[in-house]
Amino acid sequence: MHYADFSRGFVLKFDRGEKFHQTMLKFFEQKRFASGFYQGIGALMDVDMGAFDVQKNAYHSIPLQGDYELIMAMGNISLYEGKPFAHTHVCLSDSKGQTFSGHLFEATVAITAEIVLLPIDIAILRKDDPEFHLKSLSLPHHFVEH
């Protein structure tokens, strides 16, 4: 992975064969960021993604073999049990233009991934959500409309 920094964040270029989340989280840990947001484009292969089934309170897997255009990756990094946790949604396209979208568990970079990463100066925490069995954001303030 290669990167350049700018006033508010980083531009990341992942190399072929790198694991998307693994590479992102390793960079995040090495830079010692609290939390952040990212978006990007590129190409992925051997994708493990899914969608959450509310009725079953569980993700169902959507494995995709082969190469896919990464139309958009969008996500955040927060802390779960003291370690960086990546939450990414993707939209992918195959060679015929058919799209697939959902929650990204992991994927391998097929050619490259070009990501803009914006670290923030507060730690966003995740906790286990007992109702949905998810790692949900735990934020300190509750908004009440008047």
C-alpha atoms as a PDB file:
ATOM      1  CA  MET A   1       0.000   0.000   0.000  1.00  0.00           C
ATOM      2  CA  HIS A   2       1.152   3.502  -0.800  1.00  0.00           C
ATOM      3  CA  TYR A   3      -0.195   6.739   0.635  1.00  0.00           C
ATOM      4  CA  ALA A   4       0.008  10.513   0.565  1.00  0.00           C
ATOM      5  CA  ASP A   5      -1.162  12.814   3.315  1.00  0.00           C
ATOM      6  CA  PHE A   6      -2.975  16.114   2.992  1.00  0.00           C
ATOM      7  CA  SER A   7      -4.303  18.658   5.501  1.00  0.00           C
ATOM      8  CA  ARG A   8      -7.358  16.627   6.557  1.00  0.00           C
ATOM      9  CA  GLY A   9      -6.411  13.034   5.817  1.00  0.00           C
ATOM     10  CA  PHE A  10      -4.826  10.545   3.455  1.00  0.00           C
ATOM     11  CA  VAL A  11      -5.083   9.153  -0.036  1.00  0.00           C
ATOM     12  CA  LEU A  12      -4.374   5.413   0.013  1.00  0.00           C
ATOM     13  CA  LYS A  13      -3.477   3.209  -2.950  1.00  0.00           C
ATOM     14  CA  PHE A  14      -3.822  -0.496  -2.226  1.00  0.00           C
ATOM     15  CA  ASP A  15      -1.786  -2.924  -4.312  1.00  0.00           C
ATOM     16  CA  ARG A  16      -2.910  -6.097  -6.057  1.00  0.00           C
ATOM     17  CA  GLY A  17      -3.261  -9.005  -3.645  1.00  0.00           C
ATOM     18  CA  GLU A  18      -3.716  -6.943  -0.480  1.00  0.00           C
ATOM     19  CA  LYS A  19      -6.718  -7.642   1.738  1.00  0.00           C
ATOM     20  CA  PHE A  20      -9.019  -4.616   1.829  1.00  0.00           C
ATOM     21  CA  HIS A  21      -9.954  -4.468   5.533  1.00  0.00           C
ATOM     22  CA  GLN A  22      -6.728  -5.999   6.791  1.00  0.00           C
ATOM     23  CA  THR A  23      -4.644  -3.363   4.986  1.00  0.00           C
ATOM     24  CA  MET A  24      -6.896  -0.484   6.070  1.00  0.00           C
ATOM     25  CA  LEU A  25      -6.861  -1.559   9.714  1.00  0.00           C
ATOM     26  CA  LYS A  26      -3.094  -2.111   9.766  1.00  0.00           C
ATOM     27  CA  PHE A  27      -2.537   1.437   8.453  1.00  0.00           C
ATOM     28  CA  PHE A  28      -5.012   2.790  11.004  1.00  0.00           C
ATOM     29  CA  GLU A  29      -3.265   1.014  13.889  1.00  0.00           C
ATOM     30  CA  GLN A  30       0.199   2.126  12.796  1.00  0.00           C
ATOM     31  CA  LYS A  31      -0.924   5.760  12.591  1.00  0.00           C
ATOM     32  CA  ARG A  32      -2.720   5.462  15.960  1.00  0.00           C
ATOM     33  CA  PHE A  33      -5.937   7.133  14.834  1.00  0.00           C
ATOM     34  CA  ALA A  34      -8.995   7.127  17.076  1.00  0.00           C
ATOM     35  CA  SER A  35     -11.661   6.784  14.374  1.00  0.00           C
ATOM     36  CA  GLY A  36     -12.348   7.848  10.804  1.00  0.00           C
ATOM     37  CA  PHE A  37     -14.370   7.687   7.630  1.00  0.00           C
ATOM     38  CA  TYR A  38     -13.414   6.561   4.137  1.00  0.00           C
ATOM     39  CA  GLN A  39     -14.631   6.139   0.598  1.00  0.00           C
ATOM     40  CA  GLY A  40     -13.040   4.801  -2.536  1.00  0.00           C
ATOM     41  CA  ILE A  41     -13.038   3.053  -5.889  1.00  0.00           C
ATOM     42  CA  GLY A  42     -10.962   0.338  -7.549  1.00  0.00           C
ATOM     43  CA  ALA A  43     -11.201  -3.363  -8.323  1.00  0.00           C
ATOM     44  CA  LEU A  44     -11.710  -6.298  -5.960  1.00  0.00           C
ATOM     45  CA  MET A  45     -11.722 -10.075  -6.274  1.00  0.00           C
ATOM     46  CA  ASP A  46     -12.791 -13.019  -4.141  1.00  0.00           C
ATOM     47  CA  VAL A  47     -15.282 -10.867  -2.292  1.00  0.00           C
ATOM     48  CA  ASP A  48     -16.967 -11.948   0.929  1.00  0.00           C
ATOM     49  CA  MET A  49     -19.956  -9.692   1.410  1.00  0.00           C
ATOM     50  CA  GLY A  50     -23.439  -9.999   2.806  1.00  0.00           C
ATOM     51  CA  ALA A  51     -26.709  -8.428   3.801  1.00  0.00           C
ATOM     52  CA  PHE A  52     -28.383  -8.320   7.186  1.00  0.00           C
ATOM     53  CA  ASP A  53     -31.617 -10.275   7.552  1.00  0.00           C
ATOM     54  CA  VAL A  54     -33.636  -8.453  10.213  1.00  0.00           C
ATOM     55  CA  GLN A  55     -36.052 -11.376  10.658  1.00  0.00           C
ATOM     56  CA  LYS A  56     -33.198 -13.782  11.466  1.00  0.00           C
ATOM     57  CA  ASN A  57     -30.965 -11.231  13.235  1.00  0.00           C
ATOM     58  CA  ALA A  58     -28.030 -12.419  11.142  1.00  0.00           C
ATOM     59  CA  TYR A  59     -26.058 -11.660   8.012  1.00  0.00           C
ATOM     60  CA  HIS A  60     -26.424 -13.934   5.035  1.00  0.00           C
ATOM     61  CA  SER A  61     -23.309 -14.371   2.959  1.00  0.00           C
ATOM     62  CA  ILE A  62     -22.945 -13.287  -0.665  1.00  0.00           C
ATOM     63  CA  PRO A  63     -19.623 -14.769  -1.861  1.00  0.00           C
ATOM     64  CA  LEU A  64     -18.384 -13.438  -5.206  1.00  0.00           C
ATOM     65  CA  GLN A  65     -15.512 -15.176  -6.999  1.00  0.00           C
ATOM     66  CA  GLY A  66     -13.565 -13.472  -9.772  1.00  0.00           C
ATOM     67  CA  ASP A  67     -12.834  -9.808 -10.496  1.00  0.00           C
ATOM     68  CA  TYR A  68     -15.238  -6.932  -9.826  1.00  0.00           C
ATOM     69  CA  GLU A  69     -15.126  -3.211 -10.424  1.00  0.00           C
ATOM     70  CA  LEU A  70     -15.366  -1.393  -7.096  1.00  0.00           C
ATOM     71  CA  ILE A  71     -17.923   1.285  -7.947  1.00  0.00           C
ATOM     72  CA  MET A  72     -17.958   2.627  -4.390  1.00  0.00           C
ATOM     73  CA  ALA A  73     -16.704   1.633  -0.982  1.00  0.00           C
ATOM     74  CA  MET A  74     -17.912   3.694   1.919  1.00  0.00           C
ATOM     75  CA  GLY A  75     -17.339   3.127   5.581  1.00  0.00           C
ATOM     76  CA  ASN A  76     -16.042   4.059   8.973  1.00  0.00           C
ATOM     77  CA  ILE A  77     -13.511   2.840  11.462  1.00  0.00           C
ATOM     78  CA  SER A  78     -14.428   2.831  15.121  1.00  0.00           C
ATOM     79  CA  LEU A  79     -13.153   1.008  18.189  1.00  0.00           C
ATOM     80  CA  TYR A  80     -14.618  -2.308  19.325  1.00  0.00           C
ATOM     81  CA  GLU A  81     -13.132  -3.790  22.498  1.00  0.00           C
ATOM     82  CA  GLY A  82     -10.212  -1.383  22.168  1.00  0.00           C
ATOM     83  CA  LYS A  83      -9.274  -2.360  18.608  1.00  0.00           C
ATOM     84  CA  PRO A  84     -10.039  -0.681  15.259  1.00  0.00           C
ATOM     85  CA  PHE A  85     -13.159  -2.080  13.601  1.00  0.00           C
ATOM     86  CA  ALA A  86     -13.985  -1.404   9.932  1.00  0.00           C
ATOM     87  CA  HIS A  87     -17.603  -1.167   8.777  1.00  0.00           C
ATOM     88  CA  THR A  88     -17.779  -0.994   4.978  1.00  0.00           C
ATOM     89  CA  HIS A  89     -20.551  -1.065   2.408  1.00  0.00           C
ATOM     90  CA  VAL A  90     -19.701  -1.613  -1.249  1.00  0.00           C
ATOM     91  CA  CYS A  91     -21.247  -1.493  -4.678  1.00  0.00           C
ATOM     92  CA  LEU A  92     -19.518  -3.794  -7.191  1.00  0.00           C
ATOM     93  CA  SER A  93     -19.985  -4.458 -10.900  1.00  0.00           C
ATOM     94  CA  ASP A  94     -19.133  -7.543 -12.949  1.00  0.00           C
ATOM     95  CA  SER A  95     -17.902  -7.566 -16.564  1.00  0.00           C
ATOM     96  CA  LYS A  96     -21.504  -7.331 -17.832  1.00  0.00           C
ATOM     97  CA  GLY A  97     -22.363  -4.327 -15.685  1.00  0.00           C
ATOM     98  CA  GLN A  98     -24.503  -6.264 -13.216  1.00  0.00           C
ATOM     99  CA  THR A  99     -24.169  -4.704  -9.778  1.00  0.00           C
ATOM    100  CA  PHE A 100     -23.917  -6.260  -6.344  1.00  0.00           C
ATOM    101  CA  SER A 101     -24.031  -4.324  -3.120  1.00  0.00           C
ATOM    102  CA  GLY A 102     -23.948  -4.937   0.586  1.00  0.00           C
ATOM    103  CA  HIS A 103     -21.827  -5.169   3.699  1.00  0.00           C
ATOM    104  CA  LEU A 104     -18.182  -6.045   3.000  1.00  0.00           C
ATOM    105  CA  PHE A 105     -16.628  -8.666   5.253  1.00  0.00           C
ATOM    106  CA  GLU A 106     -13.354  -8.927   3.286  1.00  0.00           C
ATOM    107  CA  ALA A 107     -11.998  -8.920  -0.254  1.00  0.00           C
ATOM    108  CA  THR A 108      -8.695  -9.043  -2.082  1.00  0.00           C
ATOM    109  CA  VAL A 109      -7.576  -6.112  -4.209  1.00  0.00           C
ATOM    110  CA  ALA A 110      -7.664  -7.247  -7.864  1.00  0.00           C
ATOM    111  CA  ILE A 111      -5.758  -4.331  -9.405  1.00  0.00           C
ATOM    112  CA  THR A 112      -5.868  -1.374  -7.032  1.00  0.00           C
ATOM    113  CA  ALA A 113      -8.119   0.416  -4.580  1.00  0.00           C
ATOM    114  CA  GLU A 114      -7.969   4.198  -4.301  1.00  0.00           C
ATOM    115  CA  ILE A 115      -9.250   5.385  -0.940  1.00  0.00           C
ATOM    116  CA  VAL A 116      -9.656   8.769   0.727  1.00  0.00           C
ATOM    117  CA  LEU A 117      -9.350   8.334   4.500  1.00  0.00           C
ATOM    118  CA  LEU A 118     -10.439  11.092   6.874  1.00  0.00           C
ATOM    119  CA  PRO A 119      -9.360  10.438  10.474  1.00  0.00           C
ATOM    120  CA  ILE A 120     -11.292  12.234  13.200  1.00  0.00           C
ATOM    121  CA  ASP A 121     -10.040  13.354  16.589  1.00  0.00           C
ATOM    122  CA  ILE A 122     -12.538  11.497  18.763  1.00  0.00           C
ATOM    123  CA  ALA A 123     -12.863   7.804  19.458  1.00  0.00           C
ATOM    124  CA  ILE A 124     -16.150   6.389  18.194  1.00  0.00           C
ATOM    125  CA  LEU A 125     -16.933   3.215  20.131  1.00  0.00           C
ATOM    126  CA  ARG A 126     -18.933   0.116  19.214  1.00  0.00           C
ATOM    127  CA  LYS A 127     -20.717  -2.158  21.636  1.00  0.00           C
ATOM    128  CA  ASP A 128     -22.661  -5.367  21.239  1.00  0.00           C
ATOM    129  CA  ASP A 129     -26.313  -4.671  20.447  1.00  0.00           C
ATOM    130  CA  PRO A 130     -28.344  -7.293  22.343  1.00  0.00           C
ATOM    131  CA  GLU A 131     -31.434  -6.851  20.157  1.00  0.00           C
ATOM    132  CA  PHE A 132     -29.824  -7.329  16.735  1.00  0.00           C
ATOM    133  CA  HIS A 133     -26.582  -9.104  17.730  1.00  0.00           C
ATOM    134  CA  LEU A 134     -24.494  -6.465  15.925  1.00  0.00           C
ATOM    135  CA  LYS A 135     -21.525  -4.340  16.874  1.00  0.00           C
ATOM    136  CA  SER A 136     -23.416  -1.047  17.019  1.00  0.00           C
ATOM    137  CA  LEU A 137     -22.118   2.514  17.446  1.00  0.00           C
ATOM    138  CA  SER A 138     -22.290   3.737  21.032  1.00  0.00           C
ATOM    139  CA  LEU A 139     -22.594   7.522  21.012  1.00  0.00           C
ATOM    140  CA  PRO A 140     -22.748   9.729  24.129  1.00  0.00           C
ATOM    141  CA  HIS A 141     -25.569  12.112  23.178  1.00  0.00           C
ATOM    142  CA  HIS A 142     -29.250  11.530  22.470  1.00  0.00           C
ATOM    143  CA  PHE A 143     -31.099  14.032  20.268  1.00  0.00           C
ATOM    144  CA  VAL A 144     -34.613  14.927  21.357  1.00  0.00           C
ATOM    145  CA  GLU A 145     -36.823  17.022  19.085  1.00  0.00           C
ATOM    146  CA  HIS A 146     -38.728  19.872  20.716  1.00  0.00           C
END
